[in-house]
Amino acid sequence: MNVKIEENILIINNNKVKFEAPISTFLEINDILIVHLYIGKFNPSHFDLKGQPLNNVYAVNSEGEIEWNIKDILKTEFMRTGCEYDLLIIGYDYKDGILRMRDAEGIDYFIDAQKGLLLRKYGNK
C-alpha cells in the first residue's frame, strides 16, 4: 500500500480520507490500516485527556473506505453491560493476528482487525 499522512488526512493509494483530528500513528495489517487519532505528541507515560478525539481508532481499507471504528466493534459489549460511553484509545499493539487496544481507563480490548470483531476484553469495568 502507498500511504501518506498530512495532519488529519490519510492518503492511501491516491484516495484521501479526512479525519476530525490529527493522525498520530498507523499500522498496516494485511490489506487494512489501523489509524490512531491523537492531538499532540503521544507519550504513553503521560497523556493529556483534555480535548482528545473520542472513538479515535479506525480501520481503513486500501480503497480509502472506513471498514470500522472502535465504537462500532464495542456496540454489542456496551449493550450487554448496559453502559454506553465513548472511548479514548491511548495505545495499541498487534501480535499473533490479534490487535490489542488499551483505553484511558486501562481496559484492554482484543480485536480481530480483519473482521472488526471483539474477541475479549480484560480490565476492571
N, C-alpha and C. Protein backbone atom coordinates (compact mmCIF):
# COMPACT_ATOMS: atom_id res chain seq x y z
N MET A 1 0.83 -1.17 0.00
CA MET A 1 0.00 0.00 0.00
C MET A 1 0.88 1.25 0.00
N ASN A 2 0.45 2.23 -0.71
CA ASN A 2 1.13 3.52 -0.73
C ASN A 2 0.38 4.44 0.23
N VAL A 3 1.06 4.84 1.33
CA VAL A 3 0.40 5.60 2.39
C VAL A 3 1.17 6.89 2.68
N LYS A 4 0.41 7.98 2.83
CA LYS A 4 0.99 9.26 3.20
C LYS A 4 0.04 9.93 4.19
N ILE A 5 0.63 10.64 5.15
CA ILE A 5 -0.15 11.34 6.18
C ILE A 5 0.11 12.85 6.04
N GLU A 6 -0.96 13.62 6.05
CA GLU A 6 -0.87 15.08 6.09
C GLU A 6 -1.80 15.58 7.18
N GLU A 7 -1.25 15.71 8.41
CA GLU A 7 -2.03 16.12 9.59
C GLU A 7 -3.22 15.19 9.85
N ASN A 8 -4.43 15.58 9.41
CA ASN A 8 -5.62 14.77 9.65
C ASN A 8 -6.13 14.11 8.37
N ILE A 9 -5.30 14.07 7.35
CA ILE A 9 -5.69 13.44 6.08
C ILE A 9 -4.79 12.24 5.81
N LEU A 10 -5.44 11.11 5.57
CA LEU A 10 -4.76 9.88 5.19
C LEU A 10 -4.89 9.75 3.67
N ILE A 11 -3.77 9.59 3.00
CA ILE A 11 -3.79 9.34 1.55
C ILE A 11 -3.30 7.91 1.36
N ILE A 12 -4.19 7.08 0.88
CA ILE A 12 -3.90 5.67 0.71
C ILE A 12 -4.20 5.29 -0.73
N ASN A 13 -3.17 4.89 -1.46
CA ASN A 13 -3.31 4.55 -2.88
C ASN A 13 -4.06 5.65 -3.65
N ASN A 14 -3.67 6.91 -3.40
CA ASN A 14 -4.25 8.11 -4.04
C ASN A 14 -5.69 8.42 -3.61
N ASN A 15 -6.23 7.73 -2.62
CA ASN A 15 -7.56 8.04 -2.08
C ASN A 15 -7.37 8.79 -0.77
N LYS A 16 -8.09 9.90 -0.61
CA LYS A 16 -7.97 10.72 0.60
C LYS A 16 -9.11 10.43 1.58
N VAL A 17 -8.73 10.30 2.85
CA VAL A 17 -9.70 10.13 3.93
C VAL A 17 -9.39 11.21 4.96
N LYS A 18 -10.38 12.06 5.24
CA LYS A 18 -10.18 13.14 6.20
C LYS A 18 -10.79 12.75 7.54
N PHE A 19 -10.02 12.94 8.61
CA PHE A 19 -10.46 12.65 9.96
C PHE A 19 -10.65 13.96 10.73
N GLU A 20 -11.34 13.89 11.87
CA GLU A 20 -11.65 15.08 12.67
C GLU A 20 -10.47 15.56 13.50
N ALA A 21 -9.41 14.76 13.59
CA ALA A 21 -8.24 15.11 14.40
C ALA A 21 -6.98 14.59 13.71
N PRO A 22 -5.83 15.07 14.14
CA PRO A 22 -4.58 14.62 13.53
C PRO A 22 -4.36 13.11 13.69
N ILE A 23 -3.71 12.55 12.70
CA ILE A 23 -3.36 11.13 12.73
C ILE A 23 -2.04 11.01 13.49
N SER A 24 -2.07 10.27 14.57
CA SER A 24 -0.88 10.08 15.40
C SER A 24 0.00 8.97 14.82
N THR A 25 -0.60 7.81 14.63
CA THR A 25 0.14 6.66 14.10
C THR A 25 -0.80 5.81 13.25
N PHE A 26 -0.19 4.91 12.49
CA PHE A 26 -0.99 3.92 11.77
C PHE A 26 -0.21 2.62 11.73
N LEU A 27 -0.94 1.55 11.53
CA LEU A 27 -0.36 0.21 11.49
C LEU A 27 -0.99 -0.54 10.32
N GLU A 28 -0.17 -1.07 9.45
CA GLU A 28 -0.69 -1.84 8.32
C GLU A 28 -0.81 -3.31 8.71
N ILE A 29 -2.01 -3.83 8.55
CA ILE A 29 -2.28 -5.24 8.83
C ILE A 29 -2.94 -5.83 7.59
N ASN A 30 -2.20 -6.61 6.86
CA ASN A 30 -2.66 -7.20 5.61
C ASN A 30 -3.18 -6.10 4.68
N ASP A 31 -4.46 -6.06 4.40
CA ASP A 31 -4.99 -5.08 3.44
C ASP A 31 -5.75 -3.94 4.11
N ILE A 32 -5.53 -3.72 5.40
CA ILE A 32 -6.15 -2.58 6.07
C ILE A 32 -5.11 -1.79 6.87
N LEU A 33 -5.44 -0.55 7.15
CA LEU A 33 -4.63 0.29 8.03
C LEU A 33 -5.42 0.57 9.29
N ILE A 34 -4.78 0.42 10.42
CA ILE A 34 -5.36 0.83 11.69
C ILE A 34 -4.83 2.24 11.93
N VAL A 35 -5.75 3.20 12.05
CA VAL A 35 -5.40 4.61 12.17
C VAL A 35 -5.77 5.10 13.57
N HIS A 36 -4.79 5.68 14.26
CA HIS A 36 -4.97 6.19 15.62
C HIS A 36 -4.89 7.71 15.58
N LEU A 37 -5.96 8.37 16.03
CA LEU A 37 -6.00 9.83 16.09
C LEU A 37 -5.63 10.29 17.49
N TYR A 38 -4.80 11.33 17.56
CA TYR A 38 -4.41 11.87 18.86
C TYR A 38 -3.86 13.27 18.63
N ILE A 39 -4.24 14.20 19.47
CA ILE A 39 -3.78 15.58 19.34
C ILE A 39 -2.51 15.76 20.17
N GLY A 40 -1.46 16.24 19.53
CA GLY A 40 -0.18 16.44 20.21
C GLY A 40 0.69 15.21 20.09
N LYS A 41 1.87 15.27 20.67
CA LYS A 41 2.79 14.14 20.64
C LYS A 41 2.39 13.15 21.73
N PHE A 42 2.13 11.92 21.33
CA PHE A 42 1.67 10.92 22.28
C PHE A 42 2.83 10.44 23.15
N ASN A 43 2.61 10.40 24.45
CA ASN A 43 3.58 9.90 25.41
C ASN A 43 2.84 8.91 26.31
N PRO A 44 3.13 7.61 26.20
CA PRO A 44 2.38 6.62 26.98
C PRO A 44 2.50 6.76 28.49
N SER A 45 3.56 7.41 28.98
CA SER A 45 3.69 7.55 30.43
C SER A 45 2.96 8.79 30.97
N HIS A 46 2.62 9.72 30.07
CA HIS A 46 1.86 10.90 30.49
C HIS A 46 1.06 11.38 29.28
N PHE A 47 -0.25 11.24 29.34
CA PHE A 47 -1.07 11.66 28.21
C PHE A 47 -2.13 12.63 28.69
N ASP A 48 -2.46 13.55 27.81
CA ASP A 48 -3.43 14.60 28.12
C ASP A 48 -4.78 14.19 27.57
N LEU A 49 -5.75 13.97 28.45
CA LEU A 49 -7.08 13.54 28.02
C LEU A 49 -7.92 14.70 27.49
N LYS A 50 -7.63 15.89 27.96
CA LYS A 50 -8.45 17.04 27.62
C LYS A 50 -8.37 17.35 26.12
N GLY A 51 -9.53 17.41 25.50
CA GLY A 51 -9.62 17.78 24.10
C GLY A 51 -9.27 16.69 23.11
N GLN A 52 -9.01 15.48 23.59
CA GLN A 52 -8.66 14.40 22.69
C GLN A 52 -9.89 13.89 21.94
N PRO A 53 -9.71 13.42 20.71
CA PRO A 53 -10.84 12.86 19.97
C PRO A 53 -11.28 11.53 20.59
N LEU A 54 -12.58 11.33 20.68
CA LEU A 54 -13.10 10.07 21.22
C LEU A 54 -13.33 9.09 20.08
N ASN A 55 -13.39 7.81 20.44
CA ASN A 55 -13.58 6.74 19.44
C ASN A 55 -12.54 6.93 18.34
N ASN A 56 -11.28 7.02 18.75
CA ASN A 56 -10.19 7.52 17.93
C ASN A 56 -9.36 6.47 17.20
N VAL A 57 -9.94 5.31 16.92
CA VAL A 57 -9.26 4.29 16.13
C VAL A 57 -10.18 3.82 15.02
N TYR A 58 -9.63 3.80 13.81
CA TYR A 58 -10.38 3.40 12.61
C TYR A 58 -9.59 2.36 11.84
N ALA A 59 -10.31 1.53 11.10
CA ALA A 59 -9.69 0.63 10.12
C ALA A 59 -10.10 1.12 8.74
N VAL A 60 -9.11 1.31 7.88
CA VAL A 60 -9.35 1.83 6.54
C VAL A 60 -8.79 0.83 5.54
N ASN A 61 -9.58 0.50 4.51
CA ASN A 61 -9.10 -0.45 3.51
C ASN A 61 -8.26 0.25 2.44
N SER A 62 -7.69 -0.51 1.53
CA SER A 62 -6.77 0.03 0.52
C SER A 62 -7.45 0.97 -0.48
N GLU A 63 -8.78 0.99 -0.51
CA GLU A 63 -9.53 1.90 -1.38
C GLU A 63 -9.88 3.21 -0.67
N GLY A 64 -9.48 3.33 0.59
CA GLY A 64 -9.76 4.53 1.35
C GLY A 64 -11.13 4.54 2.01
N GLU A 65 -11.73 3.38 2.14
CA GLU A 65 -13.05 3.28 2.79
C GLU A 65 -12.87 2.85 4.24
N ILE A 66 -13.62 3.49 5.14
CA ILE A 66 -13.56 3.12 6.55
C ILE A 66 -14.33 1.82 6.75
N GLU A 67 -13.62 0.80 7.22
CA GLU A 67 -14.23 -0.52 7.47
C GLU A 67 -14.93 -0.54 8.83
N TRP A 68 -14.28 0.04 9.84
CA TRP A 68 -14.88 0.10 11.16
C TRP A 68 -14.22 1.18 12.00
N ASN A 69 -14.93 1.56 13.05
CA ASN A 69 -14.45 2.45 14.08
C ASN A 69 -14.55 1.66 15.38
N ILE A 70 -13.70 1.93 16.34
CA ILE A 70 -13.69 1.16 17.59
C ILE A 70 -15.05 1.11 18.26
N LYS A 71 -15.82 2.17 18.19
CA LYS A 71 -17.13 2.18 18.83
C LYS A 71 -18.07 1.18 18.15
N ASP A 72 -17.96 1.00 16.83
CA ASP A 72 -18.78 0.02 16.11
C ASP A 72 -18.53 -1.39 16.65
N ILE A 73 -17.28 -1.70 16.91
CA ILE A 73 -16.91 -3.03 17.38
C ILE A 73 -17.45 -3.29 18.78
N LEU A 74 -17.44 -2.27 19.62
CA LEU A 74 -17.82 -2.46 21.02
C LEU A 74 -19.29 -2.23 21.30
N LYS A 75 -20.09 -1.95 20.27
CA LYS A 75 -21.53 -1.72 20.47
C LYS A 75 -22.20 -2.88 21.22
N THR A 76 -21.91 -4.09 20.81
CA THR A 76 -22.52 -5.27 21.43
C THR A 76 -22.10 -5.39 22.89
N GLU A 77 -20.83 -5.13 23.17
CA GLU A 77 -20.34 -5.19 24.55
C GLU A 77 -21.02 -4.13 25.41
N PHE A 78 -21.20 -2.93 24.87
CA PHE A 78 -21.88 -1.88 25.62
C PHE A 78 -23.33 -2.27 25.90
N MET A 79 -24.00 -2.87 24.92
CA MET A 79 -25.40 -3.28 25.12
C MET A 79 -25.48 -4.37 26.18
N ARG A 80 -24.52 -5.30 26.16
CA ARG A 80 -24.51 -6.41 27.11
C ARG A 80 -24.32 -5.91 28.54
N THR A 81 -23.44 -4.94 28.71
CA THR A 81 -23.15 -4.44 30.06
C THR A 81 -24.08 -3.31 30.47
N GLY A 82 -24.84 -2.78 29.52
CA GLY A 82 -25.78 -1.71 29.84
C GLY A 82 -25.15 -0.34 29.95
N CYS A 83 -23.88 -0.22 29.57
CA CYS A 83 -23.26 1.11 29.61
C CYS A 83 -22.90 1.54 28.20
N GLU A 84 -23.16 2.79 27.93
CA GLU A 84 -22.85 3.37 26.63
C GLU A 84 -21.92 4.54 26.88
N TYR A 85 -20.74 4.48 26.35
CA TYR A 85 -19.82 5.60 26.51
C TYR A 85 -18.86 5.66 25.34
N ASP A 86 -18.21 6.80 25.22
CA ASP A 86 -17.23 6.99 24.18
C ASP A 86 -15.85 6.61 24.71
N LEU A 87 -15.01 6.10 23.82
CA LEU A 87 -13.70 5.63 24.22
C LEU A 87 -12.59 6.57 23.78
N LEU A 88 -11.54 6.60 24.57
CA LEU A 88 -10.29 7.22 24.15
C LEU A 88 -9.24 6.12 24.20
N ILE A 89 -8.83 5.66 23.04
CA ILE A 89 -7.79 4.63 22.96
C ILE A 89 -6.45 5.34 23.08
N ILE A 90 -5.63 4.90 24.03
CA ILE A 90 -4.34 5.55 24.26
C ILE A 90 -3.17 4.74 23.70
N GLY A 91 -3.40 3.49 23.34
CA GLY A 91 -2.31 2.70 22.78
C GLY A 91 -2.82 1.41 22.19
N TYR A 92 -1.98 0.81 21.36
CA TYR A 92 -2.34 -0.46 20.73
C TYR A 92 -1.09 -1.20 20.31
N ASP A 93 -1.23 -2.50 20.12
CA ASP A 93 -0.17 -3.30 19.52
C ASP A 93 -0.81 -4.47 18.77
N TYR A 94 -0.01 -5.15 17.99
CA TYR A 94 -0.50 -6.25 17.16
C TYR A 94 0.46 -7.41 17.29
N LYS A 95 -0.10 -8.57 17.66
CA LYS A 95 0.73 -9.76 17.84
C LYS A 95 -0.10 -11.00 17.56
N ASP A 96 0.47 -11.91 16.81
CA ASP A 96 -0.16 -13.20 16.53
C ASP A 96 -1.58 -13.06 15.98
N GLY A 97 -1.79 -12.06 15.12
CA GLY A 97 -3.08 -11.89 14.47
C GLY A 97 -4.13 -11.18 15.30
N ILE A 98 -3.75 -10.69 16.48
CA ILE A 98 -4.72 -10.03 17.36
C ILE A 98 -4.26 -8.59 17.64
N LEU A 99 -5.19 -7.67 17.47
CA LEU A 99 -4.96 -6.26 17.76
C LEU A 99 -5.43 -6.00 19.18
N ARG A 100 -4.52 -5.52 20.03
CA ARG A 100 -4.87 -5.19 21.42
C ARG A 100 -4.87 -3.68 21.56
N MET A 101 -6.01 -3.14 22.03
CA MET A 101 -6.11 -1.70 22.24
C MET A 101 -6.39 -1.45 23.71
N ARG A 102 -5.77 -0.39 24.25
CA ARG A 102 -5.98 -0.02 25.65
C ARG A 102 -6.65 1.34 25.70
N ASP A 103 -7.73 1.41 26.51
CA ASP A 103 -8.41 2.70 26.64
C ASP A 103 -7.85 3.47 27.84
N ALA A 104 -8.32 4.69 28.00
CA ALA A 104 -7.80 5.58 29.04
C ALA A 104 -8.11 5.08 30.45
N GLU A 105 -9.02 4.13 30.59
CA GLU A 105 -9.35 3.57 31.90
C GLU A 105 -8.57 2.29 32.19
N GLY A 106 -7.68 1.91 31.28
CA GLY A 106 -6.84 0.73 31.49
C GLY A 106 -7.46 -0.57 31.05
N ILE A 107 -8.53 -0.53 30.30
CA ILE A 107 -9.17 -1.75 29.80
C ILE A 107 -8.54 -2.12 28.46
N ASP A 108 -8.16 -3.38 28.31
CA ASP A 108 -7.61 -3.89 27.06
C ASP A 108 -8.71 -4.59 26.26
N TYR A 109 -8.78 -4.27 24.98
CA TYR A 109 -9.73 -4.89 24.05
C TYR A 109 -8.92 -5.67 23.03
N PHE A 110 -9.23 -6.94 22.87
CA PHE A 110 -8.54 -7.81 21.92
C PHE A 110 -9.45 -7.99 20.72
N ILE A 111 -8.97 -7.60 19.56
CA ILE A 111 -9.82 -7.47 18.38
C ILE A 111 -9.23 -8.21 17.19
N ASP A 112 -10.11 -8.86 16.43
CA ASP A 112 -9.75 -9.38 15.12
C ASP A 112 -9.86 -8.20 14.16
N ALA A 113 -8.72 -7.64 13.78
CA ALA A 113 -8.72 -6.41 12.98
C ALA A 113 -9.31 -6.61 11.59
N GLN A 114 -9.11 -7.75 11.01
CA GLN A 114 -9.63 -8.02 9.66
C GLN A 114 -11.16 -8.07 9.65
N LYS A 115 -11.72 -8.72 10.64
CA LYS A 115 -13.18 -8.89 10.70
C LYS A 115 -13.87 -7.78 11.49
N GLY A 116 -13.11 -7.02 12.26
CA GLY A 116 -13.71 -5.98 13.09
C GLY A 116 -14.56 -6.56 14.21
N LEU A 117 -14.03 -7.60 14.88
CA LEU A 117 -14.77 -8.29 15.94
C LEU A 117 -14.02 -8.25 17.26
N LEU A 118 -14.76 -7.99 18.33
CA LEU A 118 -14.19 -8.06 19.67
C LEU A 118 -14.06 -9.54 20.04
N LEU A 119 -12.84 -9.95 20.39
CA LEU A 119 -12.60 -11.33 20.80
C LEU A 119 -12.75 -11.48 22.31
N ARG A 120 -12.21 -10.51 23.04
CA ARG A 120 -12.32 -10.50 24.51
C ARG A 120 -11.86 -9.15 25.02
N LYS A 121 -12.14 -8.89 26.29
CA LYS A 121 -11.61 -7.68 26.92
C LYS A 121 -11.07 -8.07 28.27
N TYR A 122 -10.17 -7.25 28.77
CA TYR A 122 -9.56 -7.50 30.06
C TYR A 122 -9.44 -6.18 30.79
N GLY A 123 -9.97 -6.12 31.98
CA GLY A 123 -9.88 -4.90 32.77
C GLY A 123 -10.93 -4.88 33.85
N ASN A 124 -11.00 -3.78 34.55
CA ASN A 124 -11.85 -3.67 35.74
C ASN A 124 -13.30 -3.33 35.47
N LYS A 125 -13.64 -2.82 34.32
CA LYS A 125 -15.02 -2.35 34.12
C LYS A 125 -15.83 -3.32 33.32
